[in-house]
């Protein structure tokens, strides 16, 4: 499954730009957050943010094999 990455900057921004708040949410020290390299965060933290802590910010990812037809207007019977 290809889940889009979350950058350090995005993760901090999801907590109002407060790295200490992000650290509390992830149960790590603020120092740990500051030591992360810029760019994508570790997959475990990204998954926790995406699916547990902040799904309203990072959203759920649709399944790659989702065969659900796109939602749109239904065709009208007899229309030419």
N, C-alpha and C. Protein backbone atom coordinates (compact mmCIF):
# COMPACT_ATOMS: atom_id res chain seq x y z
N UNK A 1 0.85 -1.17 0.00
CA UNK A 1 0.00 0.00 0.00
C UNK A 1 0.89 1.23 0.00
N UNK A 2 0.63 2.12 -0.89
CA UNK A 2 1.39 3.37 -0.97
C UNK A 2 0.64 4.46 -0.23
N UNK A 3 1.14 4.81 0.94
CA UNK A 3 0.53 5.87 1.73
C UNK A 3 1.41 7.09 1.59
N UNK A 4 0.83 8.23 1.20
CA UNK A 4 1.64 9.44 1.06
C UNK A 4 2.35 9.77 2.37
N UNK A 5 3.55 10.27 2.25
CA UNK A 5 4.34 10.61 3.43
C UNK A 5 3.84 11.91 4.05
N UNK A 6 4.23 12.11 5.29
CA UNK A 6 3.94 13.35 6.01
C UNK A 6 5.30 13.94 6.38
N UNK A 7 5.50 15.19 6.04
CA UNK A 7 6.77 15.83 6.35
C UNK A 7 6.78 16.32 7.79
N UNK A 8 7.96 16.57 8.30
CA UNK A 8 8.12 17.13 9.64
C UNK A 8 7.34 18.44 9.75
N UNK A 9 7.47 19.28 8.74
CA UNK A 9 6.78 20.58 8.76
C UNK A 9 5.26 20.40 8.78
N UNK A 10 4.73 19.45 8.01
CA UNK A 10 3.29 19.19 8.00
C UNK A 10 2.81 18.69 9.36
N UNK A 11 3.59 17.80 9.96
CA UNK A 11 3.22 17.24 11.26
C UNK A 11 3.16 18.35 12.32
N UNK A 12 4.16 19.22 12.32
CA UNK A 12 4.18 20.31 13.30
C UNK A 12 3.04 21.28 13.01
N UNK A 13 2.78 21.57 11.75
CA UNK A 13 1.70 22.48 11.38
C UNK A 13 0.34 21.96 11.83
N UNK A 14 0.17 20.64 11.84
CA UNK A 14 -1.10 20.04 12.28
C UNK A 14 -1.36 20.30 13.75
N UNK A 15 -0.35 20.68 14.48
CA UNK A 15 -0.47 21.02 15.90
C UNK A 15 -0.24 22.50 16.12
N UNK A 16 -0.69 23.30 15.16
CA UNK A 16 -0.62 24.75 15.29
C UNK A 16 0.79 25.30 15.28
N UNK A 17 1.73 24.58 14.68
CA UNK A 17 3.11 25.02 14.63
C UNK A 17 3.85 24.78 15.94
N UNK A 18 3.27 23.99 16.82
CA UNK A 18 3.83 23.75 18.14
C UNK A 18 4.44 22.35 18.21
N UNK A 19 5.77 22.28 18.10
CA UNK A 19 6.46 20.99 18.12
C UNK A 19 6.28 20.27 19.45
N UNK A 20 6.16 21.02 20.54
CA UNK A 20 5.96 20.40 21.85
C UNK A 20 4.60 19.70 21.92
N UNK A 21 3.57 20.30 21.31
CA UNK A 21 2.25 19.67 21.27
C UNK A 21 2.29 18.39 20.44
N UNK A 22 2.99 18.42 19.33
CA UNK A 22 3.17 17.22 18.51
C UNK A 22 3.88 16.15 19.32
N UNK A 23 4.91 16.53 20.03
CA UNK A 23 5.67 15.58 20.84
C UNK A 23 4.77 14.93 21.89
N UNK A 24 3.95 15.73 22.56
CA UNK A 24 3.03 15.17 23.56
C UNK A 24 2.08 14.18 22.93
N UNK A 25 1.54 14.51 21.77
CA UNK A 25 0.60 13.63 21.08
C UNK A 25 1.25 12.30 20.70
N UNK A 26 2.51 12.36 20.31
CA UNK A 26 3.22 11.14 19.89
C UNK A 26 3.93 10.45 21.04
N UNK A 27 3.82 11.04 22.24
CA UNK A 27 4.45 10.48 23.44
C UNK A 27 5.97 10.39 23.29
N UNK A 28 6.55 11.47 22.76
CA UNK A 28 8.01 11.60 22.66
C UNK A 28 8.39 12.95 23.24
N UNK A 29 9.66 13.19 23.41
CA UNK A 29 10.11 14.49 23.92
C UNK A 29 10.17 15.51 22.79
N UNK A 30 10.00 16.79 23.13
CA UNK A 30 10.18 17.82 22.10
C UNK A 30 11.55 17.74 21.44
N UNK A 31 12.55 17.36 22.22
CA UNK A 31 13.90 17.22 21.67
C UNK A 31 13.93 16.20 20.54
N UNK A 32 13.15 15.14 20.69
CA UNK A 32 13.11 14.11 19.63
C UNK A 32 12.57 14.70 18.34
N UNK A 33 11.54 15.52 18.45
CA UNK A 33 10.96 16.15 17.25
C UNK A 33 11.99 17.04 16.58
N UNK A 34 12.70 17.84 17.36
CA UNK A 34 13.70 18.75 16.78
C UNK A 34 14.85 17.99 16.13
N UNK A 35 15.09 16.77 16.55
CA UNK A 35 16.17 15.97 15.98
C UNK A 35 15.78 15.27 14.68
N UNK A 36 14.47 15.21 14.38
CA UNK A 36 14.06 14.60 13.12
C UNK A 36 14.65 15.40 11.97
N UNK A 37 15.11 14.73 10.92
CA UNK A 37 15.57 15.49 9.74
C UNK A 37 14.37 16.11 9.03
N UNK A 38 14.61 17.19 8.31
CA UNK A 38 13.54 17.77 7.51
C UNK A 38 13.16 16.75 6.45
N UNK A 39 11.91 16.76 6.06
CA UNK A 39 11.43 15.79 5.09
C UNK A 39 10.47 14.82 5.74
N UNK A 40 10.25 13.66 5.10
CA UNK A 40 9.26 12.71 5.61
C UNK A 40 9.61 12.20 7.00
N UNK A 41 8.57 12.07 7.84
CA UNK A 41 8.78 11.51 9.17
C UNK A 41 8.71 9.99 9.10
N UNK A 42 9.11 9.34 10.17
CA UNK A 42 9.09 7.88 10.23
C UNK A 42 7.68 7.36 9.96
N UNK A 43 7.61 6.24 9.27
CA UNK A 43 6.33 5.69 8.85
C UNK A 43 5.39 5.43 10.03
N UNK A 44 5.90 4.93 11.13
CA UNK A 44 5.05 4.65 12.29
C UNK A 44 4.37 5.90 12.81
N UNK A 45 5.11 7.00 12.91
CA UNK A 45 4.52 8.25 13.36
C UNK A 45 3.52 8.79 12.33
N UNK A 46 3.86 8.65 11.05
CA UNK A 46 2.96 9.11 10.00
C UNK A 46 1.63 8.35 10.04
N UNK A 47 1.70 7.05 10.24
CA UNK A 47 0.47 6.24 10.31
C UNK A 47 -0.36 6.64 11.52
N UNK A 48 0.28 6.88 12.63
CA UNK A 48 -0.43 7.27 13.84
C UNK A 48 -1.12 8.62 13.63
N UNK A 49 -0.43 9.56 13.00
CA UNK A 49 -1.03 10.86 12.72
C UNK A 49 -2.19 10.73 11.74
N UNK A 50 -1.98 9.98 10.68
CA UNK A 50 -2.98 9.87 9.61
C UNK A 50 -4.25 9.16 10.05
N UNK A 51 -4.10 8.08 10.80
CA UNK A 51 -5.27 7.25 11.08
C UNK A 51 -5.78 7.31 12.52
N UNK A 52 -4.98 7.81 13.47
CA UNK A 52 -5.42 7.81 14.86
C UNK A 52 -5.58 9.24 15.38
N UNK A 53 -4.52 10.03 15.32
CA UNK A 53 -4.53 11.34 15.96
C UNK A 53 -5.17 12.45 15.13
N UNK A 54 -4.89 12.51 13.83
CA UNK A 54 -5.35 13.62 13.00
C UNK A 54 -5.92 13.19 11.65
N UNK A 55 -6.88 12.24 11.63
CA UNK A 55 -7.42 11.84 10.32
C UNK A 55 -8.15 12.99 9.62
N UNK A 56 -8.66 13.96 10.41
CA UNK A 56 -9.35 15.09 9.80
C UNK A 56 -8.38 16.01 9.06
N UNK A 57 -7.09 15.95 9.41
CA UNK A 57 -6.09 16.78 8.75
C UNK A 57 -5.45 16.04 7.58
N UNK A 58 -5.03 14.80 7.84
CA UNK A 58 -4.28 14.06 6.84
C UNK A 58 -5.14 13.12 6.02
N UNK A 59 -6.36 12.85 6.45
CA UNK A 59 -7.31 12.06 5.69
C UNK A 59 -6.95 10.61 5.53
N UNK A 60 -7.97 9.83 5.34
CA UNK A 60 -7.77 8.41 5.06
C UNK A 60 -7.48 8.23 3.58
N UNK A 61 -6.75 7.19 3.27
CA UNK A 61 -6.34 6.91 1.91
C UNK A 61 -7.26 5.84 1.33
N UNK A 62 -7.89 6.07 0.16
CA UNK A 62 -8.73 5.03 -0.42
C UNK A 62 -7.90 3.83 -0.84
N UNK A 63 -8.50 2.66 -0.76
CA UNK A 63 -7.80 1.43 -1.15
C UNK A 63 -7.48 1.48 -2.63
N UNK A 64 -6.31 0.95 -3.00
CA UNK A 64 -5.87 0.96 -4.39
C UNK A 64 -6.77 0.08 -5.26
N UNK A 65 -7.35 -0.95 -4.69
CA UNK A 65 -8.18 -1.86 -5.47
C UNK A 65 -9.66 -1.58 -5.26
N UNK A 66 -10.00 -0.36 -4.91
CA UNK A 66 -11.39 0.03 -4.67
C UNK A 66 -12.12 0.08 -6.01
N UNK A 67 -13.10 -0.82 -6.17
CA UNK A 67 -13.85 -0.89 -7.42
C UNK A 67 -15.15 -0.09 -7.37
N UNK A 68 -15.29 0.75 -6.37
CA UNK A 68 -16.49 1.56 -6.25
C UNK A 68 -16.54 2.56 -7.39
N UNK A 69 -17.66 2.60 -8.12
CA UNK A 69 -17.75 3.56 -9.22
C UNK A 69 -17.76 4.99 -8.70
N UNK A 70 -17.27 5.93 -9.49
CA UNK A 70 -17.27 7.32 -9.05
C UNK A 70 -18.69 7.80 -8.82
N UNK A 71 -18.86 8.68 -7.84
CA UNK A 71 -20.16 9.24 -7.54
C UNK A 71 -20.41 10.44 -8.46
N UNK A 72 -21.55 10.48 -9.02
CA UNK A 72 -21.89 11.59 -9.90
C UNK A 72 -23.36 11.51 -10.25
N UNK A 73 -23.82 12.37 -11.12
CA UNK A 73 -25.23 12.33 -11.48
C UNK A 73 -25.58 11.04 -12.18
N UNK A 74 -26.75 10.51 -11.87
CA UNK A 74 -27.21 9.29 -12.51
C UNK A 74 -27.76 9.64 -13.88
N UNK A 75 -27.54 8.77 -14.87
CA UNK A 75 -28.12 9.03 -16.19
C UNK A 75 -29.64 8.94 -16.09
N UNK A 76 -30.30 9.79 -16.81
CA UNK A 76 -31.76 9.81 -16.82
C UNK A 76 -32.26 8.84 -17.88
N UNK A 77 -33.15 7.93 -17.50
CA UNK A 77 -33.69 6.95 -18.44
C UNK A 77 -34.42 7.68 -19.57
N UNK A 78 -34.17 7.25 -20.78
CA UNK A 78 -34.84 7.81 -21.94
C UNK A 78 -34.24 9.10 -22.45
N UNK A 79 -33.19 9.59 -21.82
CA UNK A 79 -32.57 10.84 -22.27
C UNK A 79 -31.77 10.58 -23.54
N UNK A 80 -31.80 11.52 -24.44
CA UNK A 80 -31.09 11.37 -25.70
C UNK A 80 -29.87 12.25 -25.73
